[in-house]
PDB file of N, CA and C in Angstrom:
ATOM      1  N   UNK A   1     -21.091   3.937  -2.002  1.00  0.00           N
ATOM      2  CA  UNK A   1     -19.795   3.314  -2.031  1.00  0.00           C
ATOM      3  C   UNK A   1     -19.995   1.832  -1.748  1.00  0.00           C
ATOM      4  N   UNK A   2     -19.464   1.003  -2.635  1.00  0.00           N
ATOM      5  CA  UNK A   2     -19.583  -0.436  -2.470  1.00  0.00           C
ATOM      6  C   UNK A   2     -18.454  -1.007  -1.626  1.00  0.00           C
ATOM      7  N   UNK A   3     -18.426  -2.319  -1.541  1.00  0.00           N
ATOM      8  CA  UNK A   3     -17.418  -2.972  -0.714  1.00  0.00           C
ATOM      9  C   UNK A   3     -16.008  -2.770  -1.275  1.00  0.00           C
ATOM     10  N   UNK A   4     -15.881  -2.682  -2.590  1.00  0.00           N
ATOM     11  CA  UNK A   4     -14.570  -2.441  -3.184  1.00  0.00           C
ATOM     12  C   UNK A   4     -14.063  -1.040  -2.822  1.00  0.00           C
ATOM     13  N   UNK A   5     -14.951  -0.085  -2.765  1.00  0.00           N
ATOM     14  CA  UNK A   5     -14.574   1.265  -2.367  1.00  0.00           C
ATOM     15  C   UNK A   5     -14.142   1.338  -0.914  1.00  0.00           C
ATOM     16  N   UNK A   6     -14.855   0.613  -0.063  1.00  0.00           N
ATOM     17  CA  UNK A   6     -14.500   0.576   1.354  1.00  0.00           C
ATOM     18  C   UNK A   6     -13.144  -0.103   1.534  1.00  0.00           C
ATOM     19  N   UNK A   7     -12.910  -1.191   0.801  1.00  0.00           N
ATOM     20  CA  UNK A   7     -11.628  -1.892   0.885  1.00  0.00           C
ATOM     21  C   UNK A   7     -10.486  -1.011   0.391  1.00  0.00           C
ATOM     22  N   UNK A   8     -10.727  -0.253  -0.670  1.00  0.00           N
ATOM     23  CA  UNK A   8      -9.694   0.644  -1.180  1.00  0.00           C
ATOM     24  C   UNK A   8      -9.382   1.741  -0.168  1.00  0.00           C
ATOM     25  N   UNK A   9     -10.404   2.282   0.439  1.00  0.00           N
ATOM     26  CA  UNK A   9     -10.214   3.308   1.467  1.00  0.00           C
ATOM     27  C   UNK A   9      -9.468   2.736   2.668  1.00  0.00           C
ATOM     28  N   UNK A  10      -9.845   1.525   3.096  1.00  0.00           N
ATOM     29  CA  UNK A  10      -9.189   0.881   4.239  1.00  0.00           C
ATOM     30  C   UNK A  10      -7.718   0.611   3.947  1.00  0.00           C
ATOM     31  N   UNK A  11      -7.398   0.200   2.728  1.00  0.00           N
ATOM     32  CA  UNK A  11      -6.001  -0.061   2.362  1.00  0.00           C
ATOM     33  C   UNK A  11      -5.165   1.211   2.479  1.00  0.00           C
ATOM     34  N   UNK A  12      -5.730   2.348   2.091  1.00  0.00           N
ATOM     35  CA  UNK A  12      -5.014   3.619   2.197  1.00  0.00           C
ATOM     36  C   UNK A  12      -4.769   3.988   3.657  1.00  0.00           C
ATOM     37  N   UNK A  13      -5.796   3.806   4.486  1.00  0.00           N
ATOM     38  CA  UNK A  13      -5.684   4.146   5.905  1.00  0.00           C
ATOM     39  C   UNK A  13      -4.661   3.237   6.594  1.00  0.00           C
ATOM     40  N   UNK A  14      -4.721   1.951   6.290  1.00  0.00           N
ATOM     41  CA  UNK A  14      -3.782   1.004   6.897  1.00  0.00           C
ATOM     42  C   UNK A  14      -2.356   1.304   6.456  1.00  0.00           C
ATOM     43  N   UNK A  15      -2.172   1.675   5.193  1.00  0.00           N
ATOM     44  CA  UNK A  15      -0.832   1.996   4.710  1.00  0.00           C
ATOM     45  C   UNK A  15      -0.243   3.165   5.495  1.00  0.00           C
ATOM     46  N   UNK A  16      -0.999   4.236   5.605  1.00  0.00           N
ATOM     47  CA  UNK A  16      -0.514   5.411   6.341  1.00  0.00           C
ATOM     48  C   UNK A  16      -0.271   5.101   7.808  1.00  0.00           C
ATOM     49  N   UNK A  17      -1.173   4.338   8.409  1.00  0.00           N
ATOM     50  CA  UNK A  17      -1.035   3.988   9.820  1.00  0.00           C
ATOM     51  C   UNK A  17       0.201   3.135  10.064  1.00  0.00           C
ATOM     52  N   UNK A  18       0.391   2.111   9.248  1.00  0.00           N
ATOM     53  CA  UNK A  18       1.567   1.248   9.416  1.00  0.00           C
ATOM     54  C   UNK A  18       2.865   2.006   9.150  1.00  0.00           C
ATOM     55  N   UNK A  19       2.838   2.895   8.197  1.00  0.00           N
ATOM     56  CA  UNK A  19       4.033   3.689   7.913  1.00  0.00           C
ATOM     57  C   UNK A  19       4.394   4.571   9.101  1.00  0.00           C
ATOM     58  N   UNK A  20       3.405   5.239   9.673  1.00  0.00           N
ATOM     59  CA  UNK A  20       3.653   6.095  10.834  1.00  0.00           C
ATOM     60  C   UNK A  20       4.050   5.281  12.064  1.00  0.00           C
ATOM     61  N   UNK A  21       3.353   4.179  12.320  1.00  0.00           N
ATOM     62  CA  UNK A  21       3.688   3.340  13.470  1.00  0.00           C
ATOM     63  C   UNK A  21       5.095   2.760  13.346  1.00  0.00           C
ATOM     64  N   UNK A  22       5.450   2.360  12.145  1.00  0.00           N
ATOM     65  CA  UNK A  22       6.789   1.821  11.925  1.00  0.00           C
ATOM     66  C   UNK A  22       7.866   2.849  12.209  1.00  0.00           C
ATOM     67  N   UNK A  23       7.613   4.087  11.850  1.00  0.00           N
ATOM     68  CA  UNK A  23       8.602   5.134  12.117  1.00  0.00           C
ATOM     69  C   UNK A  23       8.631   5.484  13.606  1.00  0.00           C
ATOM     70  N   UNK A  24       7.466   5.544  14.252  1.00  0.00           N
ATOM     71  CA  UNK A  24       7.407   5.889  15.675  1.00  0.00           C
ATOM     72  C   UNK A  24       8.033   4.788  16.528  1.00  0.00           C
ATOM     73  N   UNK A  25       7.719   3.540  16.209  1.00  0.00           N
ATOM     74  CA  UNK A  25       8.250   2.420  16.981  1.00  0.00           C
ATOM     75  C   UNK A  25       9.705   2.107  16.651  1.00  0.00           C
ATOM     76  N   UNK A  26      10.253   2.712  15.623  1.00  0.00           N
ATOM     77  CA  UNK A  26      11.645   2.502  15.262  1.00  0.00           C
ATOM     78  C   UNK A  26      11.889   1.281  14.398  1.00  0.00           C
ATOM     79  N   UNK A  27      10.824   0.666  13.887  1.00  0.00           N
ATOM     80  CA  UNK A  27      10.985  -0.502  13.026  1.00  0.00           C
ATOM     81  C   UNK A  27      11.335  -0.110  11.594  1.00  0.00           C
ATOM     82  N   UNK A  28      10.979   1.083  11.198  1.00  0.00           N
ATOM     83  CA  UNK A  28      11.294   1.590   9.868  1.00  0.00           C
ATOM     84  C   UNK A  28      12.204   2.804  10.012  1.00  0.00           C
ATOM     85  N   UNK A  29      13.294   2.770   9.313  1.00  0.00           N
ATOM     86  CA  UNK A  29      14.143   3.951   9.270  1.00  0.00           C
ATOM     87  C   UNK A  29      13.596   4.933   8.251  1.00  0.00           C
ATOM     88  N   UNK A  30      14.230   6.065   8.171  1.00  0.00           N
ATOM     89  CA  UNK A  30      13.794   7.086   7.209  1.00  0.00           C
ATOM     90  C   UNK A  30      13.908   6.564   5.781  1.00  0.00           C
ATOM     91  N   UNK A  31      15.003   5.862   5.485  1.00  0.00           N
ATOM     92  CA  UNK A  31      15.195   5.345   4.124  1.00  0.00           C
ATOM     93  C   UNK A  31      14.129   4.316   3.766  1.00  0.00           C
ATOM     94  N   UNK A  32      13.826   3.426   4.686  1.00  0.00           N
ATOM     95  CA  UNK A  32      12.823   2.389   4.430  1.00  0.00           C
ATOM     96  C   UNK A  32      11.445   3.018   4.248  1.00  0.00           C
ATOM     97  N   UNK A  33      11.093   3.964   5.091  1.00  0.00           N
ATOM     98  CA  UNK A  33       9.810   4.654   4.967  1.00  0.00           C
ATOM     99  C   UNK A  33       9.740   5.420   3.648  1.00  0.00           C
ATOM    100  N   UNK A  34      10.851   6.010   3.258  1.00  0.00           N
ATOM    101  CA  UNK A  34      10.899   6.738   1.989  1.00  0.00           C
ATOM    102  C   UNK A  34      10.719   5.793   0.807  1.00  0.00           C
ATOM    103  N   UNK A  35      11.305   4.604   0.889  1.00  0.00           N
ATOM    104  CA  UNK A  35      11.138   3.616  -0.185  1.00  0.00           C
ATOM    105  C   UNK A  35       9.669   3.227  -0.323  1.00  0.00           C
ATOM    106  N   UNK A  36       8.989   2.968   0.803  1.00  0.00           N
ATOM    107  CA  UNK A  36       7.571   2.630   0.735  1.00  0.00           C
ATOM    108  C   UNK A  36       6.750   3.794   0.188  1.00  0.00           C
ATOM    109  N   UNK A  37       7.074   5.010   0.578  1.00  0.00           N
ATOM    110  CA  UNK A  37       6.351   6.179   0.074  1.00  0.00           C
ATOM    111  C   UNK A  37       6.569   6.351  -1.429  1.00  0.00           C
ATOM    112  N   UNK A  38       7.791   6.140  -1.887  1.00  0.00           N
ATOM    113  CA  UNK A  38       8.086   6.251  -3.323  1.00  0.00           C
ATOM    114  C   UNK A  38       7.367   5.152  -4.096  1.00  0.00           C
ATOM    115  N   UNK A  39       7.316   3.940  -3.536  1.00  0.00           N
ATOM    116  CA  UNK A  39       6.579   2.860  -4.198  1.00  0.00           C
ATOM    117  C   UNK A  39       5.096   3.202  -4.296  1.00  0.00           C
ATOM    118  N   UNK A  40       4.523   3.797  -3.250  1.00  0.00           N
ATOM    119  CA  UNK A  40       3.124   4.187  -3.286  1.00  0.00           C
ATOM    120  C   UNK A  40       2.896   5.262  -4.355  1.00  0.00           C
ATOM    121  N   UNK A  41       3.765   6.269  -4.369  1.00  0.00           N
ATOM    122  CA  UNK A  41       3.642   7.361  -5.347  1.00  0.00           C
ATOM    123  C   UNK A  41       3.806   6.831  -6.768  1.00  0.00           C
ATOM    124  N   UNK A  42       4.779   5.937  -6.967  1.00  0.00           N
ATOM    125  CA  UNK A  42       4.990   5.361  -8.299  1.00  0.00           C
ATOM    126  C   UNK A  42       3.754   4.596  -8.754  1.00  0.00           C
ATOM    127  N   UNK A  43       3.160   3.809  -7.869  1.00  0.00           N
ATOM    128  CA  UNK A  43       1.945   3.086  -8.231  1.00  0.00           C
ATOM    129  C   UNK A  43       0.790   4.017  -8.538  1.00  0.00           C
ATOM    130  N   UNK A  44       0.673   5.085  -7.768  1.00  0.00           N
ATOM    131  CA  UNK A  44      -0.413   6.042  -7.968  1.00  0.00           C
ATOM    132  C   UNK A  44      -0.339   6.705  -9.345  1.00  0.00           C
ATOM    133  N   UNK A  45       0.874   7.059  -9.755  1.00  0.00           N
ATOM    134  CA  UNK A  45       1.015   7.784 -11.021  1.00  0.00           C
ATOM    135  C   UNK A  45       1.257   6.874 -12.224  1.00  0.00           C
ATOM    136  N   UNK A  46       1.893   5.715 -12.022  1.00  0.00           N
ATOM    137  CA  UNK A  46       2.283   4.887 -13.166  1.00  0.00           C
ATOM    138  C   UNK A  46       1.278   3.789 -13.512  1.00  0.00           C
ATOM    139  N   UNK A  47       0.571   3.233 -12.535  1.00  0.00           N
ATOM    140  CA  UNK A  47      -0.380   2.171 -12.860  1.00  0.00           C
ATOM    141  C   UNK A  47      -1.471   2.618 -13.828  1.00  0.00           C
ATOM    142  N   UNK A  48      -2.028   3.827 -13.711  1.00  0.00           N
ATOM    143  CA  UNK A  48      -3.044   4.235 -14.699  1.00  0.00           C
ATOM    144  C   UNK A  48      -2.498   4.367 -16.121  1.00  0.00           C
ATOM    145  N   UNK A  49      -1.198   4.471 -16.280  1.00  0.00           N
ATOM    146  CA  UNK A  49      -0.612   4.616 -17.605  1.00  0.00           C
ATOM    147  C   UNK A  49      -0.416   3.288 -18.322  1.00  0.00           C
ATOM    148  N   UNK A  50      -0.438   2.178 -17.582  1.00  0.00           N
ATOM    149  CA  UNK A  50      -0.205   0.868 -18.174  1.00  0.00           C
ATOM    150  C   UNK A  50      -1.437   0.369 -18.912  1.00  0.00           C
ATOM    151  N   UNK A  51      -1.245  -0.117 -20.147  1.00  0.00           N
ATOM    152  CA  UNK A  51      -2.380  -0.708 -20.863  1.00  0.00           C
ATOM    153  C   UNK A  51      -2.531  -2.185 -20.490  1.00  0.00           C
ATOM    154  N   UNK A  52      -3.716  -2.573 -20.098  1.00  0.00           N
ATOM    155  CA  UNK A  52      -4.015  -3.970 -19.802  1.00  0.00           C
ATOM    156  C   UNK A  52      -5.057  -4.455 -20.795  1.00  0.00           C
ATOM    157  N   UNK A  53      -4.706  -5.465 -21.554  1.00  0.00           N
ATOM    158  CA  UNK A  53      -5.647  -5.993 -22.546  1.00  0.00           C
ATOM    159  C   UNK A  53      -5.949  -5.010 -23.655  1.00  0.00           C
ATOM    160  N   UNK A  54      -5.005  -4.136 -23.942  1.00  0.00           N
ATOM    161  CA  UNK A  54      -5.196  -3.166 -25.008  1.00  0.00           C
ATOM    162  C   UNK A  54      -6.008  -1.953 -24.600  1.00  0.00           C
ATOM    163  N   UNK A  55      -6.457  -1.908 -23.362  1.00  0.00           N
ATOM    164  CA  UNK A  55      -7.260  -0.774 -22.894  1.00  0.00           C
ATOM    165  C   UNK A  55      -6.377   0.103 -22.015  1.00  0.00           C
ATOM    166  N   UNK A  56      -6.141   1.315 -22.434  1.00  0.00           N
ATOM    167  CA  UNK A  56      -5.316   2.233 -21.666  1.00  0.00           C
ATOM    168  C   UNK A  56      -6.122   2.789 -20.490  1.00  0.00           C
ATOM    169  N   UNK A  57      -5.464   2.961 -19.358  1.00  0.00           N
ATOM    170  CA  UNK A  57      -6.119   3.513 -18.190  1.00  0.00           C
ATOM    171  C   UNK A  57      -6.741   2.472 -17.280  1.00  0.00           C
ATOM    172  N   UNK A  58      -6.799   1.221 -17.730  1.00  0.00           N
ATOM    173  CA  UNK A  58      -7.378   0.166 -16.908  1.00  0.00           C
ATOM    174  C   UNK A  58      -6.471  -0.185 -15.734  1.00  0.00           C
ATOM    175  N   UNK A  59      -5.201   0.197 -15.814  1.00  0.00           N
ATOM    176  CA  UNK A  59      -4.260  -0.089 -14.733  1.00  0.00           C
ATOM    177  C   UNK A  59      -4.628   0.590 -13.427  1.00  0.00           C
ATOM    178  N   UNK A  60      -5.445   1.636 -13.476  1.00  0.00           N
ATOM    179  CA  UNK A  60      -5.882   2.324 -12.257  1.00  0.00           C
ATOM    180  C   UNK A  60      -6.684   1.389 -11.360  1.00  0.00           C
ATOM    181  N   UNK A  61      -7.323   0.390 -11.947  1.00  0.00           N
ATOM    182  CA  UNK A  61      -8.102  -0.572 -11.162  1.00  0.00           C
ATOM    183  C   UNK A  61      -7.193  -1.441 -10.296  1.00  0.00           C
ATOM    184  N   UNK A  62      -5.920  -1.494 -10.619  1.00  0.00           N
ATOM    185  CA  UNK A  62      -4.977  -2.319  -9.873  1.00  0.00           C
ATOM    186  C   UNK A  62      -4.261  -1.552  -8.771  1.00  0.00           C
ATOM    187  N   UNK A  63      -4.615  -0.294  -8.555  1.00  0.00           N
ATOM    188  CA  UNK A  63      -3.935   0.484  -7.527  1.00  0.00           C
ATOM    189  C   UNK A  63      -4.289   0.002  -6.127  1.00  0.00           C
ATOM    190  N   UNK A  64      -5.539  -0.298  -5.871  1.00  0.00           N
ATOM    191  CA  UNK A  64      -5.943  -0.759  -4.535  1.00  0.00           C
ATOM    192  C   UNK A  64      -5.298  -2.097  -4.169  1.00  0.00           C
ATOM    193  N   UNK A  65      -5.282  -3.093  -5.059  1.00  0.00           N
ATOM    194  CA  UNK A  65      -4.556  -4.320  -4.722  1.00  0.00           C
ATOM    195  C   UNK A  65      -3.057  -4.083  -4.541  1.00  0.00           C
ATOM    196  N   UNK A  66      -2.509  -3.143  -5.288  1.00  0.00           N
ATOM    197  CA  UNK A  66      -1.095  -2.793  -5.160  1.00  0.00           C
ATOM    198  C   UNK A  66      -0.820  -2.220  -3.770  1.00  0.00           C
ATOM    199  N   UNK A  67      -1.684  -1.341  -3.298  1.00  0.00           N
ATOM    200  CA  UNK A  67      -1.523  -0.769  -1.958  1.00  0.00           C
ATOM    201  C   UNK A  67      -1.724  -1.853  -0.903  1.00  0.00           C
ATOM    202  N   UNK A  68      -2.653  -2.772  -1.138  1.00  0.00           N
ATOM    203  CA  UNK A  68      -2.858  -3.873  -0.193  1.00  0.00           C
ATOM    204  C   UNK A  68      -1.610  -4.741  -0.099  1.00  0.00           C
ATOM    205  N   UNK A  69      -0.927  -4.944  -1.202  1.00  0.00           N
ATOM    206  CA  UNK A  69       0.332  -5.703  -1.188  1.00  0.00           C
ATOM    207  C   UNK A  69       1.396  -4.947  -0.395  1.00  0.00           C
ATOM    208  N   UNK A  70       1.474  -3.648  -0.569  1.00  0.00           N
ATOM    209  CA  UNK A  70       2.399  -2.849   0.242  1.00  0.00           C
ATOM    210  C   UNK A  70       2.031  -2.939   1.726  1.00  0.00           C
ATOM    211  N   UNK A  71       0.731  -2.981   2.029  1.00  0.00           N
ATOM    212  CA  UNK A  71       0.278  -3.130   3.410  1.00  0.00           C
ATOM    213  C   UNK A  71       0.752  -4.446   4.014  1.00  0.00           C
ATOM    214  N   UNK A  72       0.680  -5.512   3.246  1.00  0.00           N
ATOM    215  CA  UNK A  72       1.109  -6.818   3.738  1.00  0.00           C
ATOM    216  C   UNK A  72       2.589  -6.806   4.072  1.00  0.00           C
ATOM    217  N   UNK A  73       3.395  -6.246   3.193  1.00  0.00           N
ATOM    218  CA  UNK A  73       4.839  -6.177   3.443  1.00  0.00           C
ATOM    219  C   UNK A  73       5.127  -5.289   4.654  1.00  0.00           C
ATOM    220  N   UNK A  74       4.443  -4.168   4.748  1.00  0.00           N
ATOM    221  CA  UNK A  74       4.627  -3.291   5.905  1.00  0.00           C
ATOM    222  C   UNK A  74       4.215  -3.980   7.203  1.00  0.00           C
ATOM    223  N   UNK A  75       3.146  -4.748   7.171  1.00  0.00           N
ATOM    224  CA  UNK A  75       2.707  -5.462   8.372  1.00  0.00           C
ATOM    225  C   UNK A  75       3.764  -6.465   8.818  1.00  0.00           C
ATOM    226  N   UNK A  76       4.369  -7.164   7.864  1.00  0.00           N
ATOM    227  CA  UNK A  76       5.434  -8.108   8.221  1.00  0.00           C
ATOM    228  C   UNK A  76       6.639  -7.392   8.810  1.00  0.00           C
ATOM    229  N   UNK A  77       6.978  -6.235   8.271  1.00  0.00           N
ATOM    230  CA  UNK A  77       8.149  -5.499   8.760  1.00  0.00           C
ATOM    231  C   UNK A  77       7.868  -4.860  10.116  1.00  0.00           C
ATOM    232  N   UNK A  78       6.758  -4.173  10.230  1.00  0.00           N
ATOM    233  CA  UNK A  78       6.463  -3.419  11.445  1.00  0.00           C
ATOM    234  C   UNK A  78       6.070  -4.339  12.599  1.00  0.00           C
ATOM    235  N   UNK A  79       5.241  -5.339  12.315  1.00  0.00           N
ATOM    236  CA  UNK A  79       4.762  -6.228  13.371  1.00  0.00           C
ATOM    237  C   UNK A  79       5.665  -7.443  13.566  1.00  0.00           C
ATOM    238  N   UNK A  80       6.767  -7.476  12.833  1.00  0.00           N
ATOM    239  CA  UNK A  80       7.780  -8.541  12.952  1.00  0.00           C
ATOM    240  C   UNK A  80       7.193  -9.928  12.748  1.00  0.00           C
ATOM    241  N   UNK A  81       6.500 -10.088  11.669  1.00  0.00           N
ATOM    242  CA  UNK A  81       5.911 -11.376  11.350  1.00  0.00           C
ATOM    243  C   UNK A  81       4.438 -11.257  11.051  1.00  0.00           C
ATOM    244  N   UNK A  82       3.728 -12.309  11.300  1.00  0.00           N
ATOM    245  CA  UNK A  82       2.303 -12.343  11.001  1.00  0.00           C
ATOM    246  C   UNK A  82       1.520 -11.508  12.015  1.00  0.00           C
ATOM    247  N   UNK A  83       0.333 -11.092  11.629  1.00  0.00           N
ATOM    248  CA  UNK A  83      -0.520 -10.299  12.500  1.00  0.00           C
ATOM    249  C   UNK A  83      -1.172 -11.232  13.522  1.00  0.00           C
ATOM    250  N   UNK A  84      -1.004 -10.953  14.828  1.00  0.00           N
ATOM    251  CA  UNK A  84      -1.652 -11.820  15.822  1.00  0.00           C
ATOM    252  C   UNK A  84      -3.163 -11.596  15.828  1.00  0.00           C
ATOM    253  N   UNK A  85      -3.907 -12.677  15.887  1.00  0.00           N
ATOM    254  CA  UNK A  85      -5.364 -12.589  15.861  1.00  0.00           C
ATOM    255  C   UNK A  85      -5.970 -12.561  17.263  1.00  0.00           C
ATOM    256  N   UNK A  86      -5.188 -12.849  18.276  1.00  0.00           N
ATOM    257  CA  UNK A  86      -5.733 -12.835  19.639  1.00  0.00           C
ATOM    258  C   UNK A  86      -5.032 -11.812  20.486  1.00  0.00           C
TER     259      UNK A  86
END
């Protein structure tokens, strides 16, 4: 597994963790958590169907960056702003 595989795996773990923490801490309601889950499911099933550059199935390569973008939005919502480094 290369660095891209590790990053893809980490994005999945962070997504699930932030989703659960947001619900436990009360920062995400059921509707908001459901919206993020539906967005994740939609990306999982629909991105591989999109043709990029005339090549069908290449959209699957964009799933990990898509999940990373969802992670960024979740981090802003759950952590109420930027991630503290200290």
